[in-house]
Amino acid sequence: MFEPHIGCAHASLPDGRDAHTVAAVPWHPEIAAARLLTGVASAADQNGRGAPAFLTAPAAADGPAGPAVHLALAYGLASVPDEDRGATVRALAQLGARGRLDGAMLDRDLAELVRLGTLKVPLLTESLRAAAALPGAAPALWPVLATALPRLLTSTRPQAHAALPAVAADAAREAGAGGELPEVALAQRPGSSQLLVQARRLRDQLATHTTPATHPHAAKVE
């Protein structure tokens, strides 16, 4: 006995599997993210094709945004295709605006993937810069950067990541954040490398406001 073939309008679309999965469980973004995570990951570490339309759907859903969604975000922020990174940036901003972005969870994923060499730091930085530039997104993005920056700077060669404190300084300015971050203590060192220059800019930006910027994952930068 054979079951009849049931056609699906999504099947002929370039991202048909992604659209079908999201449409099937719109109330549970974790399930959709878990099922599509392999494709999203391949867009970052294998120069593959991810899911440009996928990540914005879980961000708009009412269900939980847990480990699978945040890991998909981490991969998506460093996806090779431009449209994948663009979709991830929009999803990141939307989750942050809705108060559903877990900065500590995303921080751990980003730092570990950078440490493993899975994510391309220039692409990640480009995405974070784009997210910080979105109107109204900086207040939600700043806590993520404040938490992630120490881990990212110590995860691999810090001199390769001079753009990260630059993006953090821009986000801090837009968010009106202030206080102290232990990792910008390296701004006291002599030298004129871009890492030191941007660390000083971040330090000076934080000094202009009083809103606390400290976080529980402080790390010393060697």
Protein backbone atom coordinates (compact mmCIF):
# COMPACT_ATOMS: atom_id res chain seq x y z
CA MET A 1 0.00 0.00 0.00
CA PHE A 2 1.31 3.44 -0.92
CA GLU A 3 0.49 6.76 0.63
CA PRO A 4 -0.48 9.44 -1.86
CA HIS A 5 2.12 12.07 -2.61
CA ILE A 6 1.16 15.37 -1.04
CA GLY A 7 2.66 18.34 -2.83
CA CYS A 8 4.05 21.33 -1.01
CA ALA A 9 4.34 24.80 -2.49
CA HIS A 10 7.57 25.33 -0.54
CA ALA A 11 9.33 22.44 -2.28
CA SER A 12 10.12 24.38 -5.45
CA LEU A 13 11.51 27.41 -3.62
CA PRO A 14 15.30 27.90 -3.23
CA ASP A 15 14.92 27.69 0.53
CA GLY A 16 11.96 25.34 0.46
CA ARG A 17 12.99 23.09 3.32
CA ASP A 18 13.57 26.08 5.56
CA ALA A 19 10.24 27.70 4.73
CA HIS A 20 8.44 24.39 5.23
CA THR A 21 10.04 23.75 8.62
CA VAL A 22 9.28 27.22 9.93
CA ALA A 23 5.71 27.07 8.61
CA ALA A 24 5.15 23.67 10.25
CA VAL A 25 6.07 24.82 13.78
CA PRO A 26 5.69 28.62 13.84
CA TRP A 27 5.03 28.58 17.59
CA HIS A 28 8.29 26.80 18.49
CA PRO A 29 11.39 28.50 17.06
CA GLU A 30 13.68 26.13 18.96
CA ILE A 31 12.44 23.14 16.96
CA ALA A 32 12.86 24.98 13.67
CA ALA A 33 16.32 26.23 14.63
CA ALA A 34 17.48 22.77 15.71
CA ARG A 35 16.30 21.16 12.46
CA LEU A 36 17.93 23.81 10.27
CA LEU A 37 21.11 24.33 12.28
CA THR A 38 23.29 22.22 9.98
CA GLY A 39 22.51 24.43 7.00
CA VAL A 40 23.09 27.62 8.98
CA ALA A 41 26.40 26.27 10.27
CA SER A 42 27.58 25.29 6.79
CA ALA A 43 27.03 28.85 5.64
CA ALA A 44 29.66 29.95 8.15
CA ASP A 45 32.28 27.21 8.30
CA GLN A 46 31.99 25.57 4.87
CA ASN A 47 31.10 28.54 2.67
CA GLY A 48 27.77 26.82 2.13
CA ARG A 49 24.28 28.07 1.61
CA GLY A 50 22.36 28.82 4.77
CA ALA A 51 18.83 30.02 5.26
CA PRO A 52 18.43 33.74 4.46
CA ALA A 53 14.70 33.80 5.26
CA PHE A 54 14.85 31.45 8.20
CA LEU A 55 16.37 33.34 11.11
CA THR A 56 13.94 36.24 11.01
CA ALA A 57 10.96 33.90 11.48
CA PRO A 58 12.01 32.52 14.91
CA ALA A 59 12.79 36.08 15.99
CA ALA A 60 9.20 37.08 15.22
CA ALA A 61 7.66 33.95 16.79
CA ASP A 62 6.17 33.91 20.27
CA GLY A 63 7.83 30.67 21.34
CA PRO A 64 11.07 30.30 23.33
CA ALA A 65 14.39 31.50 21.93
CA GLY A 66 16.80 29.09 23.57
CA PRO A 67 20.14 27.41 22.81
CA ALA A 68 19.30 26.36 19.24
CA VAL A 69 18.13 29.83 18.21
CA HIS A 70 21.15 31.51 19.79
CA LEU A 71 23.60 29.04 18.25
CA ALA A 72 21.98 29.64 14.85
CA LEU A 73 22.43 33.37 15.42
CA ALA A 74 26.09 32.87 16.27
CA TYR A 75 26.71 30.94 13.05
CA GLY A 76 24.57 33.29 11.00
CA LEU A 77 26.46 36.39 12.11
CA ALA A 78 29.55 35.04 10.33
CA SER A 79 27.84 33.42 7.35
CA VAL A 80 29.67 33.86 4.08
CA PRO A 81 26.64 34.83 1.93
CA ASP A 82 25.77 38.48 2.47
CA GLU A 83 22.03 37.82 2.57
CA ASP A 84 22.46 35.29 5.39
CA ARG A 85 24.33 37.79 7.52
CA GLY A 86 21.71 40.41 6.73
CA ALA A 87 18.90 38.12 7.85
CA THR A 88 20.78 37.28 11.04
CA VAL A 89 21.38 40.94 11.84
CA ARG A 90 17.67 41.65 11.47
CA ALA A 91 16.81 38.65 13.65
CA LEU A 92 19.31 39.76 16.30
CA ALA A 93 17.84 43.26 16.40
CA GLN A 94 14.30 41.93 16.56
CA LEU A 95 15.05 39.53 19.41
CA GLY A 96 16.80 42.30 21.28
CA ALA A 97 13.92 44.74 20.77
CA ARG A 98 11.52 42.13 22.17
CA GLY A 99 13.71 41.42 25.19
CA ARG A 100 14.32 37.82 24.10
CA LEU A 101 18.02 38.01 23.37
CA ASP A 102 20.20 36.19 25.92
CA GLY A 103 23.53 38.02 25.76
CA ALA A 104 25.39 35.54 27.95
CA MET A 105 24.24 32.57 25.86
CA LEU A 106 25.15 34.24 22.58
CA ASP A 107 28.47 35.35 24.06
CA ARG A 108 29.46 31.78 24.95
CA ASP A 109 28.56 30.49 21.50
CA LEU A 110 30.42 33.27 19.68
CA ALA A 111 33.55 32.96 21.80
CA GLU A 112 33.71 29.17 21.49
CA LEU A 113 33.16 29.21 17.71
CA VAL A 114 35.82 31.90 17.29
CA ARG A 115 38.21 29.93 19.49
CA LEU A 116 37.66 26.83 17.35
CA GLY A 117 38.30 28.83 14.19
CA THR A 118 34.79 28.12 12.91
CA LEU A 119 33.74 31.75 12.55
CA LYS A 120 35.54 34.30 10.42
CA VAL A 121 36.10 37.24 12.76
CA PRO A 122 35.99 39.93 10.00
CA LEU A 123 32.55 38.72 8.91
CA LEU A 124 31.36 38.54 12.52
CA THR A 125 32.61 42.06 13.14
CA GLU A 126 30.90 43.31 9.99
CA SER A 127 27.59 41.85 11.18
CA LEU A 128 27.94 43.33 14.66
CA ARG A 129 28.71 46.72 13.12
CA ALA A 130 25.64 46.48 10.90
CA ALA A 131 23.49 45.50 13.89
CA ALA A 132 24.78 48.41 15.95
CA ALA A 133 23.93 50.80 13.11
CA LEU A 134 20.26 49.78 12.97
CA PRO A 135 17.96 52.45 14.45
CA GLY A 136 17.21 51.64 18.07
CA ALA A 137 19.23 48.40 18.08
CA ALA A 138 22.28 49.58 20.07
CA PRO A 139 20.67 49.38 23.54
CA ALA A 140 19.91 45.69 22.96
CA LEU A 141 23.24 44.95 21.28
CA TRP A 142 25.47 46.69 23.79
CA PRO A 143 24.92 44.13 26.61
CA VAL A 144 25.86 41.37 24.14
CA LEU A 145 29.07 43.17 23.17
CA ALA A 146 29.91 44.03 26.77
CA THR A 147 29.60 40.37 27.69
CA ALA A 148 31.23 38.92 24.57
CA LEU A 149 34.16 41.29 24.11
CA PRO A 150 36.45 39.82 26.82
CA ARG A 151 35.98 36.27 25.55
CA LEU A 152 36.39 37.25 21.92
CA LEU A 153 39.55 39.23 22.57
CA THR A 154 41.12 36.34 24.48
CA SER A 155 39.83 33.51 22.28
CA THR A 156 42.42 33.90 19.52
CA ARG A 157 45.08 36.43 18.49
CA PRO A 158 43.76 39.71 19.92
CA GLN A 159 45.67 41.88 17.43
CA ALA A 160 43.45 40.43 14.71
CA HIS A 161 40.35 41.77 16.44
CA ALA A 162 41.01 45.51 16.67
CA ALA A 163 37.68 46.21 14.98
CA LEU A 164 35.73 44.59 17.83
CA PRO A 165 36.37 47.31 20.44
CA ALA A 166 35.66 49.85 17.69
CA VAL A 167 32.21 48.35 17.14
CA ALA A 168 31.70 48.19 20.92
CA ALA A 169 32.59 51.87 21.25
CA ASP A 170 30.02 52.77 18.59
CA ALA A 171 27.33 50.66 20.26
CA ALA A 172 28.16 52.11 23.68
CA ARG A 173 27.82 55.62 22.29
CA GLU A 174 24.44 54.91 20.70
CA ALA A 175 23.21 53.09 23.82
CA GLY A 176 24.49 55.77 26.21
CA ALA A 177 26.36 53.08 28.15
CA GLY A 178 29.07 53.87 30.66
CA GLY A 179 31.10 52.42 33.51
CA GLU A 180 34.11 50.18 33.24
CA LEU A 181 35.03 47.04 31.36
CA PRO A 182 38.13 45.25 32.67
CA GLU A 183 39.37 44.32 29.22
CA VAL A 184 39.84 47.95 28.18
CA ALA A 185 42.52 48.26 30.86
CA LEU A 186 44.92 47.37 28.05
CA ALA A 187 44.22 50.92 26.87
CA GLN A 188 46.75 52.03 29.49
CA ARG A 189 49.59 50.30 27.68
CA PRO A 190 52.00 52.28 25.52
CA GLY A 191 51.77 51.74 21.80
CA SER A 192 49.81 52.79 18.75
CA SER A 193 48.39 49.52 17.42
CA GLN A 194 44.78 49.66 16.25
CA LEU A 195 43.77 47.35 19.09
CA LEU A 196 45.14 49.83 21.65
CA VAL A 197 43.72 52.83 19.81
CA GLN A 198 40.22 51.34 19.71
CA ALA A 199 40.45 50.10 23.29
CA ARG A 200 41.21 53.66 24.36
CA ARG A 201 38.29 54.96 22.35
CA LEU A 202 35.99 52.46 24.06
CA ARG A 203 37.40 53.39 27.48
CA ASP A 204 36.90 57.10 26.83
CA GLN A 205 33.38 56.53 25.53
CA LEU A 206 32.40 54.57 28.63
CA ALA A 207 33.88 57.28 30.84
CA THR A 208 31.43 59.85 29.45
CA HIS A 209 28.38 58.07 30.91
CA THR A 210 27.45 56.59 34.26
CA THR A 211 25.26 53.65 33.20
CA PRO A 212 27.03 50.51 34.50
CA ALA A 213 28.76 48.47 31.82
CA THR A 214 30.32 45.76 33.95
CA HIS A 215 29.47 42.11 33.38
CA PRO A 216 30.09 38.74 35.03
CA HIS A 217 32.49 37.39 32.40
CA ALA A 218 35.39 39.78 32.81
CA ALA A 219 38.65 38.47 31.39
CA LYS A 220 42.19 39.73 31.36
CA VAL A 221 43.64 40.49 27.95
CA GLU A 222 47.23 39.52 27.62
